[in-house]
C-alpha atoms as a PDB file:
ATOM      1  CA  MET A   1     -25.958-102.929 -22.015  1.00  0.00           C
ATOM      2  CA  PRO A   2     -24.755-106.091 -20.256  1.00  0.00           C
ATOM      3  CA  GLN A   3     -24.387-106.057 -16.487  1.00  0.00           C
ATOM      4  CA  ILE A   4     -20.623-106.375 -16.108  1.00  0.00           C
ATOM      5  CA  LYS A   5     -18.513-105.768 -13.032  1.00  0.00           C
ATOM      6  CA  ILE A   6     -14.796-105.206 -13.678  1.00  0.00           C
ATOM      7  CA  ARG A   7     -11.822-105.143 -11.338  1.00  0.00           C
ATOM      8  CA  GLU A   8      -8.221-104.139 -11.997  1.00  0.00           C
ATOM      9  CA  TRP A   9      -5.419-106.498 -13.038  1.00  0.00           C
ATOM     10  CA  ASN A  10      -3.625-107.754  -9.914  1.00  0.00           C
ATOM     11  CA  GLU A  11      -6.507-106.634  -7.701  1.00  0.00           C
ATOM     12  CA  LYS A  12      -6.954-110.351  -7.168  1.00  0.00           C
ATOM     13  CA  GLN A  13      -4.046-112.273  -8.693  1.00  0.00           C
ATOM     14  CA  ARG A  14      -5.515-115.722  -8.343  1.00  0.00           C
ATOM     15  CA  THR A  15      -9.000-117.142  -8.261  1.00  0.00           C
ATOM     16  CA  LYS A  16      -9.517-120.440  -6.482  1.00  0.00           C
ATOM     17  CA  LEU A  17     -11.045-123.067  -8.736  1.00  0.00           C
ATOM     18  CA  ARG A  18     -14.276-123.263  -6.752  1.00  0.00           C
ATOM     19  CA  PHE A  19     -14.871-119.518  -7.258  1.00  0.00           C
ATOM     20  CA  ILE A  20     -14.582-119.534 -11.069  1.00  0.00           C
ATOM     21  CA  LYS A  21     -18.080-118.903 -12.417  1.00  0.00           C
ATOM     22  CA  ILE A  22     -19.757-119.105 -15.785  1.00  0.00           C
ATOM     23  CA  GLY A  23     -19.820-115.545 -17.101  1.00  0.00           C
ATOM     24  CA  ASP A  24     -16.457-114.588 -15.576  1.00  0.00           C
ATOM     25  CA  ILE A  25     -14.325-112.370 -17.775  1.00  0.00           C
ATOM     26  CA  PHE A  26     -10.596-112.955 -17.910  1.00  0.00           C
ATOM     27  CA  CYS A  27      -7.522-111.210 -19.214  1.00  0.00           C
ATOM     28  CA  TYR A  28      -4.624-113.188 -20.662  1.00  0.00           C
ATOM     29  CA  GLN A  29      -1.193-111.687 -21.193  1.00  0.00           C
ATOM     30  CA  PHE A  30      -0.641-113.080 -24.682  1.00  0.00           C
ATOM     31  CA  SER A  31       2.816-111.520 -25.089  1.00  0.00           C
ATOM     32  CA  GLU A  32       4.925-108.904 -23.336  1.00  0.00           C
ATOM     33  CA  GLU A  33       3.033-106.112 -25.084  1.00  0.00           C
ATOM     34  CA  MET A  34      -0.331-107.730 -25.813  1.00  0.00           C
ATOM     35  CA  PHE A  35      -3.358-108.578 -23.698  1.00  0.00           C
ATOM     36  CA  VAL A  36      -6.447-110.426 -24.853  1.00  0.00           C
ATOM     37  CA  PHE A  37      -9.773-110.888 -23.079  1.00  0.00           C
ATOM     38  CA  GLY A  38     -12.311-113.674 -22.978  1.00  0.00           C
ATOM     39  CA  GLN A  39     -15.128-115.269 -21.043  1.00  0.00           C
ATOM     40  CA  ILE A  40     -15.878-118.483 -19.174  1.00  0.00           C
ATOM     41  CA  LEU A  41     -18.736-120.199 -21.052  1.00  0.00           C
ATOM     42  CA  GLY A  42     -19.166-123.387 -19.053  1.00  0.00           C
ATOM     43  CA  LYS A  43     -17.597-126.180 -17.045  1.00  0.00           C
ATOM     44  CA  VAL A  44     -16.901-129.764 -18.040  1.00  0.00           C
ATOM     45  CA  ASN A  45     -15.157-132.558 -16.146  1.00  0.00           C
ATOM     46  CA  VAL A  46     -11.634-131.605 -17.155  1.00  0.00           C
ATOM     47  CA  GLY A  47     -11.767-127.811 -16.949  1.00  0.00           C
ATOM     48  CA  HIS A  48     -13.632-124.715 -18.067  1.00  0.00           C
ATOM     49  CA  VAL A  49     -14.787-123.896 -21.573  1.00  0.00           C
ATOM     50  CA  ILE A  50     -13.637-120.451 -22.671  1.00  0.00           C
ATOM     51  CA  GLN A  51     -13.797-118.292 -25.731  1.00  0.00           C
ATOM     52  CA  PHE A  52     -11.696-115.255 -26.553  1.00  0.00           C
ATOM     53  CA  PHE A  53     -13.027-111.824 -27.519  1.00  0.00           C
ATOM     54  CA  ASP A  54     -11.781-109.873 -30.527  1.00  0.00           C
ATOM     55  CA  ILE A  55      -9.962-107.406 -28.267  1.00  0.00           C
ATOM     56  CA  PHE A  56      -6.162-107.363 -28.539  1.00  0.00           C
ATOM     57  CA  GLN A  57      -4.526-104.376 -26.882  1.00  0.00           C
ATOM     58  CA  ALA A  58      -1.361-103.136 -25.220  1.00  0.00           C
ATOM     59  CA  ARG A  59      -3.167-102.070 -22.051  1.00  0.00           C
ATOM     60  CA  LEU A  60      -4.655-104.456 -19.553  1.00  0.00           C
ATOM     61  CA  THR A  61      -7.609-102.318 -18.553  1.00  0.00           C
ATOM     62  CA  ILE A  62     -10.935-102.603 -20.306  1.00  0.00           C
ATOM     63  CA  THR A  63     -14.259-100.841 -19.988  1.00  0.00           C
ATOM     64  CA  VAL A  64     -17.789-102.188 -19.862  1.00  0.00           C
ATOM     65  CA  GLU A  65     -18.450-100.362 -23.148  1.00  0.00           C
ATOM     66  CA  GLU A  66     -15.554-102.151 -24.870  1.00  0.00           C
ATOM     67  CA  LEU A  67     -16.744-105.506 -23.565  1.00  0.00           C
ATOM     68  CA  SER A  68     -20.323-104.854 -24.657  1.00  0.00           C
ATOM     69  CA  ARG A  69     -19.091-104.340 -28.252  1.00  0.00           C
ATOM     70  CA  ALA A  70     -16.762-107.355 -28.193  1.00  0.00           C
ATOM     71  CA  GLN A  71     -17.378-110.361 -30.416  1.00  0.00           C
ATOM     72  CA  PHE A  72     -16.200-113.906 -29.787  1.00  0.00           C
ATOM     73  CA  ILE A  73     -13.399-115.165 -32.037  1.00  0.00           C
ATOM     74  CA  GLY A  74     -12.240-118.664 -32.835  1.00  0.00           C
ATOM     75  CA  LYS A  75     -14.032-121.580 -31.292  1.00  0.00           C
ATOM     76  CA  PRO A  76     -14.669-122.444 -27.658  1.00  0.00           C
ATOM     77  CA  ILE A  77     -11.840-124.428 -26.074  1.00  0.00           C
ATOM     78  CA  ILE A  78     -11.310-126.246 -22.790  1.00  0.00           C
ATOM     79  CA  VAL A  79      -8.522-124.994 -20.533  1.00  0.00           C
ATOM     80  CA  ASP A  80      -7.048-126.301 -17.305  1.00  0.00           C
ATOM     81  CA  SER A  81      -8.602-123.600 -15.154  1.00  0.00           C
ATOM     82  CA  TYR A  82      -6.980-124.886 -11.965  1.00  0.00           C
ATOM     83  CA  THR A  83      -3.492-124.348 -13.348  1.00  0.00           C
ATOM     84  CA  LEU A  84      -4.214-121.093 -15.193  1.00  0.00           C
ATOM     85  CA  PHE A  85      -6.294-119.172 -12.641  1.00  0.00           C
ATOM     86  CA  ASP A  86      -5.513-120.798  -9.278  1.00  0.00           C
ATOM     87  CA  ARG A  87      -1.961-122.164  -9.329  1.00  0.00           C
ATOM     88  CA  SER A  88      -0.139-120.355 -12.115  1.00  0.00           C
ATOM     89  CA  PRO A  89       3.362-119.283 -11.078  1.00  0.00           C
ATOM     90  CA  VAL A  90       3.383-116.406 -13.573  1.00  0.00           C
ATOM     91  CA  TRP A  91      -0.178-115.066 -13.302  1.00  0.00           C
ATOM     92  CA  SER A  92      -0.557-114.371 -16.999  1.00  0.00           C
ATOM     93  CA  TRP A  93      -4.262-115.301 -16.686  1.00  0.00           C
ATOM     94  CA  GLN A  94      -6.543-113.430 -14.288  1.00  0.00           C
ATOM     95  CA  ILE A  95     -10.268-113.212 -13.731  1.00  0.00           C
ATOM     96  CA  ILE A  96     -10.942-109.472 -13.999  1.00  0.00           C
ATOM     97  CA  GLY A  97     -14.716-109.329 -13.993  1.00  0.00           C
ATOM     98  CA  HIS A  98     -18.073-111.018 -14.216  1.00  0.00           C
ATOM     99  CA  GLN A  99     -21.099-110.592 -16.457  1.00  0.00           C
ATOM    100  CA  VAL A 100     -24.057-111.008 -14.110  1.00  0.00           C
ATOM    101  CA  ASP A 101     -26.576-111.422 -16.939  1.00  0.00           C
ATOM    102  CA  PHE A 102     -24.456-113.811 -19.053  1.00  0.00           C
ATOM    103  CA  ASP A 103     -26.707-116.203 -20.989  1.00  0.00           C
ATOM    104  CA  PRO A 104     -24.987-119.470 -21.970  1.00  0.00           C
ATOM    105  CA  SER A 105     -28.016-120.730 -23.942  1.00  0.00           C
ATOM    106  CA  PRO A 106     -26.483-119.904 -27.372  1.00  0.00           C
ATOM    107  CA  PHE A 107     -23.896-122.571 -26.520  1.00  0.00           C
ATOM    108  CA  LYS A 108     -26.369-125.226 -25.333  1.00  0.00           C
ATOM    109  CA  ASP A 109     -25.617-127.481 -28.309  1.00  0.00           C
ATOM    110  CA  LEU A 110     -21.838-127.231 -27.910  1.00  0.00           C
ATOM    111  CA  ALA A 111     -20.534-130.739 -27.250  1.00  0.00           C
ATOM    112  CA  PHE A 112     -17.195-132.481 -26.922  1.00  0.00           C
ATOM    113  CA  LYS A 113     -16.320-136.137 -27.493  1.00  0.00           C
ATOM    114  CA  TRP A 114     -14.540-138.448 -25.090  1.00  0.00           C
ATOM    115  CA  GLY A 115     -13.159-141.967 -25.303  1.00  0.00           C
ATOM    116  CA  ASP A 116     -10.159-143.853 -26.604  1.00  0.00           C
ATOM    117  CA  PRO A 117      -8.784-141.991 -29.650  1.00  0.00           C
ATOM    118  CA  ASN A 118      -7.969-145.360 -31.222  1.00  0.00           C
ATOM    119  CA  GLY A 119     -11.317-146.870 -30.319  1.00  0.00           C
ATOM    120  CA  LEU A 120     -14.489-147.285 -32.320  1.00  0.00           C
ATOM    121  CA  HIS A 121     -16.992-145.894 -29.807  1.00  0.00           C
ATOM    122  CA  PHE A 122     -17.198-142.529 -28.090  1.00  0.00           C
ATOM    123  CA  GLY A 123     -19.243-140.585 -25.575  1.00  0.00           C
ATOM    124  CA  LYS A 124     -20.473-137.035 -25.800  1.00  0.00           C
ATOM    125  CA  VAL A 125     -20.628-134.308 -23.142  1.00  0.00           C
ATOM    126  CA  TRP A 126     -22.309-130.946 -23.567  1.00  0.00           C
ATOM    127  CA  LEU A 127     -21.176-127.584 -22.265  1.00  0.00           C
ATOM    128  CA  ASP A 128     -23.697-127.708 -19.428  1.00  0.00           C
ATOM    129  CA  GLY A 129     -22.388-131.097 -18.263  1.00  0.00           C
ATOM    130  CA  ARG A 130     -25.126-133.242 -19.814  1.00  0.00           C
ATOM    131  CA  THR A 131     -23.910-136.591 -21.049  1.00  0.00           C
ATOM    132  CA  GLU A 132     -25.563-138.936 -23.488  1.00  0.00           C
ATOM    133  CA  PRO A 133     -25.945-142.557 -22.371  1.00  0.00           C
ATOM    134  CA  LYS A 134     -25.754-143.579 -26.034  1.00  0.00           C
ATOM    135  CA  ILE A 135     -22.395-144.628 -27.440  1.00  0.00           C
ATOM    136  CA  PHE A 136     -21.501-142.898 -30.703  1.00  0.00           C
ATOM    137  CA  SER A 137     -19.527-144.145 -33.673  1.00  0.00           C
ATOM    138  CA  ARG A 138     -16.391-142.380 -34.860  1.00  0.00           C
ATOM    139  CA  GLU A 139     -18.378-140.895 -37.768  1.00  0.00           C
ATOM    140  CA  GLU A 140     -21.069-139.482 -35.466  1.00  0.00           C
ATOM    141  CA  VAL A 141     -18.572-137.478 -33.414  1.00  0.00           C
ATOM    142  CA  GLU A 142     -16.027-136.767 -36.132  1.00  0.00           C
ATOM    143  CA  ASP A 143     -16.632-132.993 -36.118  1.00  0.00           C
ATOM    144  CA  LEU A 144     -16.453-132.589 -32.325  1.00  0.00           C
ATOM    145  CA  ASP A 145     -13.374-131.545 -30.391  1.00  0.00           C
ATOM    146  CA  TRP A 146     -12.039-133.777 -27.626  1.00  0.00           C
ATOM    147  CA  GLU A 147     -13.079-133.198 -24.031  1.00  0.00           C
ATOM    148  CA  ALA A 148      -9.508-132.396 -23.112  1.00  0.00           C
ATOM    149  CA  CYS A 149      -7.656-129.320 -21.972  1.00  0.00           C
ATOM    150  CA  VAL A 150      -5.691-127.537 -24.627  1.00  0.00           C
ATOM    151  CA  GLY A 151      -2.300-126.093 -23.872  1.00  0.00           C
ATOM    152  CA  SER A 152      -0.651-122.822 -24.694  1.00  0.00           C
ATOM    153  CA  ILE A 153       0.449-124.027 -28.130  1.00  0.00           C
ATOM    154  CA  VAL A 154      -3.194-124.435 -29.173  1.00  0.00           C
ATOM    155  CA  TYR A 155      -4.678-121.255 -27.720  1.00  0.00           C
ATOM    156  CA  ASN A 156      -1.689-119.139 -28.756  1.00  0.00           C
ATOM    157  CA  ARG A 157      -2.038-120.446 -32.325  1.00  0.00           C
ATOM    158  CA  ILE A 158      -5.744-119.522 -32.301  1.00  0.00           C
ATOM    159  CA  LEU A 159      -4.882-116.031 -31.063  1.00  0.00           C
ATOM    160  CA  GLU A 160      -2.036-115.555 -33.538  1.00  0.00           C
ATOM    161  CA  GLU A 161      -4.340-116.501 -36.442  1.00  0.00           C
ATOM    162  CA  GLU A 162      -7.035-114.101 -35.247  1.00  0.00           C
ATOM    163  CA  LEU A 163      -4.550-111.294 -34.680  1.00  0.00           C
ATOM    164  CA  ASP A 164      -3.181-111.806 -38.212  1.00  0.00           C
ATOM    165  CA  LYS A 165      -6.742-111.504 -39.574  1.00  0.00           C
ATOM    166  CA  GLN A 166      -7.265-108.236 -37.694  1.00  0.00           C
ATOM    167  CA  MET A 167      -3.976-106.792 -38.973  1.00  0.00           C
ATOM    168  CA  LYS A 168      -4.905-107.394 -42.642  1.00  0.00           C
END
């Protein structure tokens, strides 16, 4: 069983950016009646890399047992952690726990591209912050996502698609 510490929603409404850690577990109020959970996988220059769990529920409390059975859904995305966890005026995102024994090594090959979208050459940054001094062609990084924060339109679409799959 993973070593997870959980706190209640609103026990700590905001988490300052410098205190967000890899392995933190968050709750996101996806709609008025729906909460979804996820985990911080890593940090890159523009924000934190997160992935959602397959847990959609009407209640905002979760147990260690539920989290230990959870599976990741969708793909990892980069979010503006400063805005969501530290400065959000609505507090629909909250850090609610931490997995002490979280192992990010399964994501060690996760990379994002950066550069001018209209350009011919790009850089690459990995989840753990490593960068490659080599410059890559458009073809070499074609399958990578941009090292850029996604907004609510993107992550809500991911969640809506996953929720639809679960309902079928």
